[in-house]
Amino acid sequence: MAPIQVSSVDELKQYIPQAIECRVVKDEKNGKAKIKVRTKRKLVTLVIPISKVDKVLEELNCPEVVEF
């Protein structure tokens, strides 16, 4: 199954109750970061500017955050 890409933080929040962990992958070269929310059955991603990562992670309140 392919990852689901969402376009807003509100859409990503739907998956947080089932989340096992959240991963943050930063692409310094392009100034973007991916927040990946892993549930038992799905992987959901959101691409945002690096400057907004900390604010979004606080808002999401993920059970476990892993940064790459």
C-alpha atoms as a PDB file:
ATOM      1  CA  MET A   1       0.000   0.000   0.000  1.00  0.00           C
ATOM      2  CA  ALA A   2       1.331   3.433  -0.936  1.00  0.00           C
ATOM      3  CA  PRO A   3       1.654   6.231   1.628  1.00  0.00           C
ATOM      4  CA  ILE A   4      -1.196   8.727   1.838  1.00  0.00           C
ATOM      5  CA  GLN A   5      -0.131  12.344   1.352  1.00  0.00           C
ATOM      6  CA  VAL A   6      -2.313  14.969   2.998  1.00  0.00           C
ATOM      7  CA  SER A   7      -2.247  18.701   2.348  1.00  0.00           C
ATOM      8  CA  SER A   8      -3.054  20.160   5.769  1.00  0.00           C
ATOM      9  CA  VAL A   9      -2.326  19.684   9.456  1.00  0.00           C
ATOM     10  CA  ASP A  10      -6.035  19.217  10.153  1.00  0.00           C
ATOM     11  CA  GLU A  11      -6.164  16.205   7.827  1.00  0.00           C
ATOM     12  CA  LEU A  12      -3.082  14.736   9.506  1.00  0.00           C
ATOM     13  CA  LYS A  13      -4.665  15.141  12.965  1.00  0.00           C
ATOM     14  CA  GLN A  14      -7.286  12.544  12.034  1.00  0.00           C
ATOM     15  CA  TYR A  15      -4.617   9.825  12.112  1.00  0.00           C
ATOM     16  CA  ILE A  16      -2.942  10.796  15.425  1.00  0.00           C
ATOM     17  CA  PRO A  17      -5.242   8.706  17.700  1.00  0.00           C
ATOM     18  CA  GLN A  18      -4.139   5.536  15.867  1.00  0.00           C
ATOM     19  CA  ALA A  19      -0.483   6.630  15.510  1.00  0.00           C
ATOM     20  CA  ILE A  20       2.342   4.422  16.689  1.00  0.00           C
ATOM     21  CA  GLU A  21       5.006   7.068  15.989  1.00  0.00           C
ATOM     22  CA  CYS A  22       5.722  10.239  14.048  1.00  0.00           C
ATOM     23  CA  ARG A  23       8.877  10.612  11.995  1.00  0.00           C
ATOM     24  CA  VAL A  24      10.375  13.866  10.821  1.00  0.00           C
ATOM     25  CA  VAL A  25      12.627  13.863   7.767  1.00  0.00           C
ATOM     26  CA  LYS A  26      14.258  17.228   7.061  1.00  0.00           C
ATOM     27  CA  ASP A  27      15.524  18.206   3.620  1.00  0.00           C
ATOM     28  CA  GLU A  28      17.785  21.152   4.438  1.00  0.00           C
ATOM     29  CA  LYS A  29      18.711  21.652   0.784  1.00  0.00           C
ATOM     30  CA  ASN A  30      15.124  22.391  -0.291  1.00  0.00           C
ATOM     31  CA  GLY A  31      13.941  23.875   3.016  1.00  0.00           C
ATOM     32  CA  LYS A  32      11.177  21.310   3.450  1.00  0.00           C
ATOM     33  CA  ALA A  33      10.364  18.610   5.965  1.00  0.00           C
ATOM     34  CA  LYS A  34       8.118  15.559   5.857  1.00  0.00           C
ATOM     35  CA  ILE A  35       6.127  14.540   8.887  1.00  0.00           C
ATOM     36  CA  LYS A  36       5.283  10.860   8.595  1.00  0.00           C
ATOM     37  CA  VAL A  37       2.623   9.400  10.861  1.00  0.00           C
ATOM     38  CA  ARG A  38       2.766   5.611  11.117  1.00  0.00           C
ATOM     39  CA  THR A  39      -0.371   3.765  12.131  1.00  0.00           C
ATOM     40  CA  LYS A  40      -0.838   0.015  12.256  1.00  0.00           C
ATOM     41  CA  ARG A  41      -2.050  -0.095   8.648  1.00  0.00           C
ATOM     42  CA  LYS A  42      -1.133   3.234   7.025  1.00  0.00           C
ATOM     43  CA  LEU A  43       1.669   5.717   6.544  1.00  0.00           C
ATOM     44  CA  VAL A  44       0.440   9.289   6.199  1.00  0.00           C
ATOM     45  CA  THR A  45       2.770  12.131   5.163  1.00  0.00           C
ATOM     46  CA  LEU A  46       2.639  15.913   5.221  1.00  0.00           C
ATOM     47  CA  VAL A  47       5.231  18.166   3.540  1.00  0.00           C
ATOM     48  CA  ILE A  48       5.802  21.513   5.258  1.00  0.00           C
ATOM     49  CA  PRO A  49       8.519  24.198   5.488  1.00  0.00           C
ATOM     50  CA  ILE A  50      11.257  23.377   8.015  1.00  0.00           C
ATOM     51  CA  SER A  51      10.482  26.566   9.961  1.00  0.00           C
ATOM     52  CA  LYS A  52       7.020  25.214  10.903  1.00  0.00           C
ATOM     53  CA  VAL A  53       8.069  21.726  12.083  1.00  0.00           C
ATOM     54  CA  ASP A  54       8.291  22.459  15.824  1.00  0.00           C
ATOM     55  CA  LYS A  55       4.948  24.267  15.912  1.00  0.00           C
ATOM     56  CA  VAL A  56       3.171  21.483  13.997  1.00  0.00           C
ATOM     57  CA  LEU A  57       4.653  18.736  16.189  1.00  0.00           C
ATOM     58  CA  GLU A  58       3.447  20.517  19.336  1.00  0.00           C
ATOM     59  CA  GLU A  59       0.001  20.822  17.777  1.00  0.00           C
ATOM     60  CA  LEU A  60      -0.120  17.130  16.786  1.00  0.00           C
ATOM     61  CA  ASN A  61       0.991  15.761  20.166  1.00  0.00           C
ATOM     62  CA  CYS A  62       2.426  12.532  18.718  1.00  0.00           C
ATOM     63  CA  PRO A  63       3.019   9.558  21.047  1.00  0.00           C
ATOM     64  CA  GLU A  64       6.663   9.189  19.921  1.00  0.00           C
ATOM     65  CA  VAL A  65       8.719  11.471  17.662  1.00  0.00           C
ATOM     66  CA  VAL A  66      11.757  10.205  15.738  1.00  0.00           C
ATOM     67  CA  GLU A  67      13.895  12.656  13.740  1.00  0.00           C
ATOM     68  CA  PHE A  68      16.034  11.697  10.753  1.00  0.00           C
END
